[in-house]
Structure formats: structure tokens, C-alpha cells
Amino acid sequence: MTQNLSIILVEPQGPINIGSVCRAMMNFGFTNLRIVNPTKHYKSLLAKKMALTAFGVLEKAPVFDDLKSALADIQIAFGTTRRFGKYRKNFFTPSGAALKLHQSYLNIKCALVLGPEDTGLETKDLDLCQHFITIPTHEDYPSMNLSHALSVLLYEISLKCDAGDKFYDHEPKKLATGDELEHMYSHIKKSLVDIDFLDKHNPDHLLRTFRRIFGEAGLSSRDVRILRGLMSRIDWTEAQRRKNF
């Protein structure tokens, strides 16, 4: 996917943003950048400072006069927008677009198209795209920085493709049953009363703290067995102490 996906910036206005876009692309392994009618100083020192070692992405990026030319060899284009027009429906979220790319367009030349920082893509540009992506930002401040928006998109694409094959979230552990927990708490109560850690006349007062701690931890059956093993060791040690007392 990293070789088949191009990032197209339409009339980017700030060299700092352009440099940041290059850096975001390299963060996720993408190097195909195309620029439509950029600001005059788009390769300035400011862009280089922001791009750092990703400046090579910008140096080799072709420049086009209009989006139509930039999309000439692209088969599927995803336009980024918050313009919910009459004829634009079925917007993808970043995650949905990433899944679509992975499932339907993995070996097809695709592009993510991002518009100017202040206005976004115009209708004439969106008409050239087959799909639309919107990032569900908060209504009080919906506009995102260009490189930040791209980072969100490329993160989701990476998860569905390369990175998703290398990294895995931990599967949620199977929690202990209520019966296992209650037997454990009974064992804890008995053991800690025997060693005078709990007040034998009101053991549940402090035991509630153990319930809260272990409840928040979400114990597995294995966790319960280990804790009961600890209590059993306390029981044995206390029995030996009393023999020799």
C-alpha cells in the first residue's frame, strides 16, 4: 500500500505545513507526494526545518497546475472534506477509508487528496474524487492542521496494512467468576484475621478495601489462584509459629 498510495496537496499555503506533511508521511512509510499549485516558497528553509530527514520526499515531489493533472494516472481518489453537500453522501471515517483501501484497492493506484489549510477542497476538486473522508472533529473547532489530519489518515491505513501485521493489542484476559472471587475473599479474611491483620470483630471494614483494589484490577482465574496460594503460605507459616509459641 505504501507504494500504491499518493498524497496530493492542493494549493498548500505554508512551507511549514508542507514540511510537516513530509515528516508525517515518512513516519508511516509513505513517500509519494504530489503538489498542486503550491505557495512560491514551498521548498524554503522553513519547510526543510520541519521535514528534517524527510525533506527528500518534498524534493522529488512533482508539481501540477491543477488537480485533474495530478490525478491523471490515479484510479481511485479519496477527497478529505467537511463539506456535506447534497450530492456527497456516504462519507468514510479514517478507519472506514483505511479498511476500504485494504479490502478493495490494495494493488490499485490510489490517492489521498487534501485541500488548502484555510478553505479545504473546493467542489470542483471534490468532483474529481470517487470517495470522501471526514475526520469527526469537535464542532467547536472542526478544522485540523494539514499534517495532523494526514497523520490520522495514515495511522489508520498503516494499522489495516503493514503495521497491523506486526503489532497486536493484548487480548482482554478472561476474568475470574464471582464464585472464584468470593472464595478468595473468604480465604483472605480468614488468613488475615488469624494473623491479627484484620479486626476479628469487624473484618469486613478493611476487607472492602481489598475488594475495591482487586475489583479495579480485574483478576483472572490465574490471579486468584496465585493470591490464594499466598494466603495458604501465610496459613502454613502462622500454623508453624503457633506450634513453636
Protein backbone atom coordinates (compact mmCIF):
# COMPACT_ATOMS: atom_id res chain seq x y z
CA MET A 1 0.00 0.00 0.00
CA THR A 2 2.84 2.43 0.73
CA GLN A 3 3.95 2.24 -2.92
CA ASN A 4 0.48 2.50 -4.44
CA LEU A 5 -0.83 5.42 -2.40
CA SER A 6 -0.02 9.03 -3.26
CA ILE A 7 -0.63 12.06 -1.07
CA ILE A 8 -1.83 15.07 -3.05
CA LEU A 9 -1.75 18.56 -1.55
CA VAL A 10 -3.93 21.06 -3.39
CA GLU A 11 -2.63 24.64 -3.18
CA PRO A 12 -0.83 24.28 0.18
CA GLN A 13 -0.12 27.74 1.54
CA GLY A 14 2.55 27.31 4.19
CA PRO A 15 6.04 25.79 3.81
CA ILE A 16 5.93 24.79 7.48
CA ASN A 17 2.81 22.71 6.88
CA ILE A 18 4.30 21.19 3.74
CA GLY A 19 7.42 20.18 5.62
CA SER A 20 5.30 18.70 8.40
CA VAL A 21 3.33 16.68 5.86
CA CYS A 22 6.56 15.16 4.54
CA ARG A 23 7.57 14.20 8.05
CA ALA A 24 4.17 12.62 8.75
CA MET A 25 4.41 10.65 5.52
CA MET A 26 7.82 9.27 6.39
CA ASN A 27 6.62 8.37 9.89
CA PHE A 28 4.29 5.85 8.27
CA GLY A 29 6.47 4.81 5.33
CA PHE A 30 4.80 6.82 2.54
CA THR A 31 6.95 8.73 0.07
CA ASN A 32 4.74 9.54 -2.94
CA LEU A 33 3.85 13.22 -2.62
CA ARG A 34 2.25 15.34 -5.34
CA ILE A 35 1.63 19.07 -5.06
CA VAL A 36 -0.89 21.18 -6.94
CA ASN A 37 -0.07 24.89 -7.39
CA PRO A 38 1.84 25.33 -4.11
CA THR A 39 2.97 28.54 -2.47
CA LYS A 40 6.02 30.07 -4.17
CA HIS A 41 8.42 29.22 -1.34
CA TYR A 42 7.20 25.68 -0.73
CA LYS A 43 10.79 24.34 -0.64
CA SER A 44 12.08 27.06 1.64
CA LEU A 45 14.29 26.64 4.71
CA LEU A 46 11.15 26.60 6.88
CA ALA A 47 9.88 23.54 5.03
CA LYS A 48 13.27 21.87 5.34
CA LYS A 49 13.45 22.52 9.07
CA MET A 50 10.06 20.92 9.61
CA ALA A 51 10.67 17.97 7.29
CA LEU A 52 14.15 17.19 8.67
CA THR A 53 15.35 13.94 7.06
CA ALA A 54 12.02 13.62 5.21
CA PHE A 55 12.88 16.63 3.04
CA GLY A 56 13.75 14.23 0.22
CA VAL A 57 10.03 13.48 -0.11
CA LEU A 58 9.44 17.12 -0.97
CA GLU A 59 12.45 17.43 -3.26
CA LYS A 60 11.23 14.65 -5.54
CA ALA A 61 7.53 15.59 -5.38
CA PRO A 62 6.13 16.55 -8.82
CA VAL A 63 4.20 19.81 -9.10
CA PHE A 64 0.98 20.12 -11.13
CA ASP A 65 -1.06 23.07 -12.33
CA ASP A 66 -4.38 21.52 -11.30
CA LEU A 67 -5.81 18.51 -9.52
CA LYS A 68 -7.07 16.94 -12.73
CA SER A 69 -3.50 16.65 -13.97
CA ALA A 70 -2.29 15.29 -10.64
CA LEU A 71 -4.94 12.56 -10.78
CA ALA A 72 -4.34 11.63 -14.42
CA ASP A 73 -2.85 8.20 -13.63
CA ILE A 74 -4.69 7.68 -10.32
CA GLN A 75 -7.50 5.13 -10.34
CA ILE A 76 -9.21 5.88 -7.01
CA ALA A 77 -9.07 9.20 -5.14
CA PHE A 78 -10.26 9.89 -1.60
CA GLY A 79 -11.02 13.56 -1.04
CA THR A 80 -10.81 14.89 2.51
CA THR A 81 -13.58 17.33 3.37
CA ARG A 82 -16.17 18.54 5.83
CA ARG A 83 -18.43 19.80 3.03
CA PHE A 84 -21.59 17.75 3.39
CA GLY A 85 -23.16 18.69 0.07
CA LYS A 86 -26.39 17.39 -1.47
CA TYR A 87 -24.56 15.08 -3.85
CA ARG A 88 -21.90 13.89 -1.43
CA LYS A 89 -23.06 11.11 0.83
CA ASN A 90 -21.63 8.01 2.44
CA PHE A 91 -18.58 9.68 3.94
CA PHE A 92 -15.85 7.41 5.21
CA THR A 93 -14.27 7.88 8.61
CA PRO A 94 -10.47 7.47 8.56
CA SER A 95 -10.87 3.90 9.82
CA GLY A 96 -13.53 3.10 7.22
CA ALA A 97 -11.46 4.54 4.39
CA ALA A 98 -8.42 2.54 5.53
CA LEU A 99 -10.47 -0.65 5.52
CA LYS A 100 -11.83 0.13 2.04
CA LEU A 101 -8.31 0.73 0.75
CA HIS A 102 -7.09 -2.52 2.24
CA GLN A 103 -10.01 -4.67 1.11
CA SER A 104 -10.77 -3.23 -2.34
CA TYR A 105 -7.84 -1.16 -3.59
CA LEU A 106 -4.71 -2.78 -2.21
CA ASN A 107 -2.97 -3.06 -5.60
CA ILE A 108 -4.60 -0.07 -7.28
CA LYS A 109 -3.08 3.39 -7.66
CA CYS A 110 -4.89 5.50 -5.09
CA ALA A 111 -4.55 8.97 -3.66
CA LEU A 112 -5.49 10.92 -0.56
CA VAL A 113 -6.34 14.47 -1.60
CA LEU A 114 -6.05 17.31 0.91
CA GLY A 115 -7.03 20.91 0.24
CA PRO A 116 -5.71 24.32 1.29
CA GLU A 117 -5.32 24.94 5.00
CA ASP A 118 -7.96 27.67 5.21
CA THR A 119 -10.75 26.53 2.87
CA GLY A 120 -10.22 22.84 2.18
CA LEU A 121 -11.01 21.30 -1.18
CA GLU A 122 -13.39 23.16 -3.47
CA THR A 123 -16.40 21.48 -5.05
CA LYS A 124 -14.66 21.30 -8.44
CA ASP A 125 -11.84 19.33 -6.81
CA LEU A 126 -14.14 17.05 -4.85
CA ASP A 127 -15.96 16.23 -8.08
CA LEU A 128 -12.76 14.54 -9.27
CA CYS A 129 -12.71 12.18 -6.25
CA GLN A 130 -14.58 8.88 -6.04
CA HIS A 131 -14.77 8.75 -2.24
CA PHE A 132 -14.85 11.25 0.61
CA ILE A 133 -13.27 11.11 4.05
CA THR A 134 -14.14 13.27 7.01
CA ILE A 135 -12.45 13.26 10.41
CA PRO A 136 -15.10 13.54 13.15
CA THR A 137 -13.63 16.51 15.00
CA HIS A 138 -15.42 18.57 17.63
CA GLU A 139 -17.91 21.09 16.28
CA ASP A 140 -16.44 23.93 18.33
CA TYR A 141 -13.19 23.73 16.37
CA PRO A 142 -13.55 21.30 13.45
CA SER A 143 -10.59 22.38 11.31
CA MET A 144 -7.39 20.36 11.72
CA ASN A 145 -3.83 21.23 10.87
CA LEU A 146 -2.88 19.71 7.50
CA SER A 147 -0.18 17.38 8.79
CA HIS A 148 -2.25 16.39 11.82
CA ALA A 149 -5.17 15.38 9.61
CA LEU A 150 -2.86 13.40 7.35
CA SER A 151 -1.28 11.66 10.35
CA VAL A 152 -4.71 10.46 11.47
CA LEU A 153 -5.42 9.05 8.00
CA LEU A 154 -2.04 7.36 7.56
CA TYR A 155 -2.15 5.90 11.06
CA GLU A 156 -5.42 4.14 10.27
CA ILE A 157 -4.15 2.97 6.89
CA SER A 158 -0.99 1.59 8.47
CA LEU A 159 -2.99 -0.32 11.06
CA LYS A 160 -5.06 -2.00 8.36
CA CYS A 161 -1.99 -2.84 6.28
CA ASP A 162 1.67 -3.21 7.26
CA ALA A 163 1.69 -2.20 10.92
CA GLY A 164 -1.39 -4.24 11.68
CA ASP A 165 0.56 -7.38 10.79
CA LYS A 166 3.40 -6.55 13.19
CA PHE A 167 1.69 -5.20 16.28
CA TYR A 168 -1.20 -6.55 18.28
CA ASP A 169 -3.15 -5.19 21.18
CA HIS A 170 -3.33 -7.51 24.15
CA GLU A 171 -6.42 -9.65 24.13
CA PRO A 172 -8.60 -8.99 27.17
CA LYS A 173 -7.94 -11.62 29.81
CA LYS A 174 -10.66 -13.96 30.92
CA LEU A 175 -11.88 -12.64 34.25
CA ALA A 176 -12.45 -14.80 37.31
CA THR A 177 -16.00 -15.77 38.14
CA GLY A 178 -17.92 -14.36 41.05
CA ASP A 179 -17.71 -17.71 42.83
CA GLU A 180 -13.91 -17.77 42.49
CA LEU A 181 -13.65 -14.23 43.84
CA GLU A 182 -15.91 -14.86 46.84
CA HIS A 183 -13.96 -17.97 47.82
CA MET A 184 -10.77 -15.92 47.54
CA TYR A 185 -12.15 -13.10 49.73
CA SER A 186 -13.29 -15.66 52.34
CA HIS A 187 -9.79 -17.14 52.33
CA ILE A 188 -8.19 -13.68 52.63
CA LYS A 189 -10.49 -12.80 55.52
CA LYS A 190 -9.68 -15.99 57.44
CA SER A 191 -5.92 -15.76 56.85
CA LEU A 192 -5.65 -12.08 57.78
CA VAL A 193 -7.84 -12.47 60.86
CA ASP A 194 -5.64 -15.36 62.02
CA ILE A 195 -2.52 -13.18 61.90
CA ASP A 196 -4.39 -10.27 63.53
CA PHE A 197 -4.13 -8.06 60.45
CA LEU A 198 -7.92 -7.75 60.32
CA ASP A 199 -10.05 -6.93 63.35
CA LYS A 200 -11.87 -10.17 64.13
CA HIS A 201 -14.89 -8.16 65.35
CA ASN A 202 -15.16 -6.14 62.13
CA PRO A 203 -13.03 -7.77 59.43
CA ASP A 204 -15.19 -6.56 56.54
CA HIS A 205 -14.28 -2.92 57.16
CA LEU A 206 -10.73 -3.33 55.79
CA LEU A 207 -11.66 -6.21 53.54
CA ARG A 208 -13.75 -3.79 51.47
CA THR A 209 -10.51 -2.06 50.50
CA PHE A 210 -9.16 -5.35 49.18
CA ARG A 211 -12.39 -5.82 47.25
CA ARG A 212 -12.01 -2.38 45.69
CA ILE A 213 -8.33 -2.88 44.80
CA PHE A 214 -8.84 -6.32 43.28
CA GLY A 215 -12.11 -5.29 41.67
CA GLU A 216 -10.41 -2.43 39.80
CA ALA A 217 -7.55 -4.75 38.80
CA GLY A 218 -9.90 -7.24 37.15
CA LEU A 219 -8.45 -10.53 38.38
CA SER A 220 -8.19 -13.59 36.17
CA SER A 221 -8.62 -17.15 37.45
CA ARG A 222 -4.83 -17.46 37.49
CA ASP A 223 -4.54 -14.26 39.54
CA VAL A 224 -7.00 -15.69 42.06
CA ARG A 225 -5.03 -18.93 42.36
CA ILE A 226 -1.81 -17.03 43.00
CA LEU A 227 -3.39 -14.88 45.71
CA ARG A 228 -4.93 -17.93 47.35
CA GLY A 229 -1.53 -19.60 47.19
CA LEU A 230 -0.11 -16.62 49.07
CA MET A 231 -2.85 -16.94 51.70
CA SER A 232 -2.12 -20.66 52.03
CA ARG A 233 1.53 -19.87 52.64
CA ILE A 234 0.52 -17.34 55.30
CA ASP A 235 -1.73 -20.02 56.87
CA TRP A 236 1.13 -22.53 56.98
CA THR A 237 3.61 -20.00 58.38
CA GLU A 238 1.14 -18.94 61.08
CA ALA A 239 0.44 -22.59 62.00
CA GLN A 240 4.19 -23.21 62.42
CA ARG A 241 4.59 -20.09 64.53
CA ARG A 242 1.82 -21.17 66.87
CA LYS A 243 3.35 -24.65 67.26
CA ASN A 244 6.55 -23.09 68.49
CA PHE A 245 4.94 -20.36 70.58
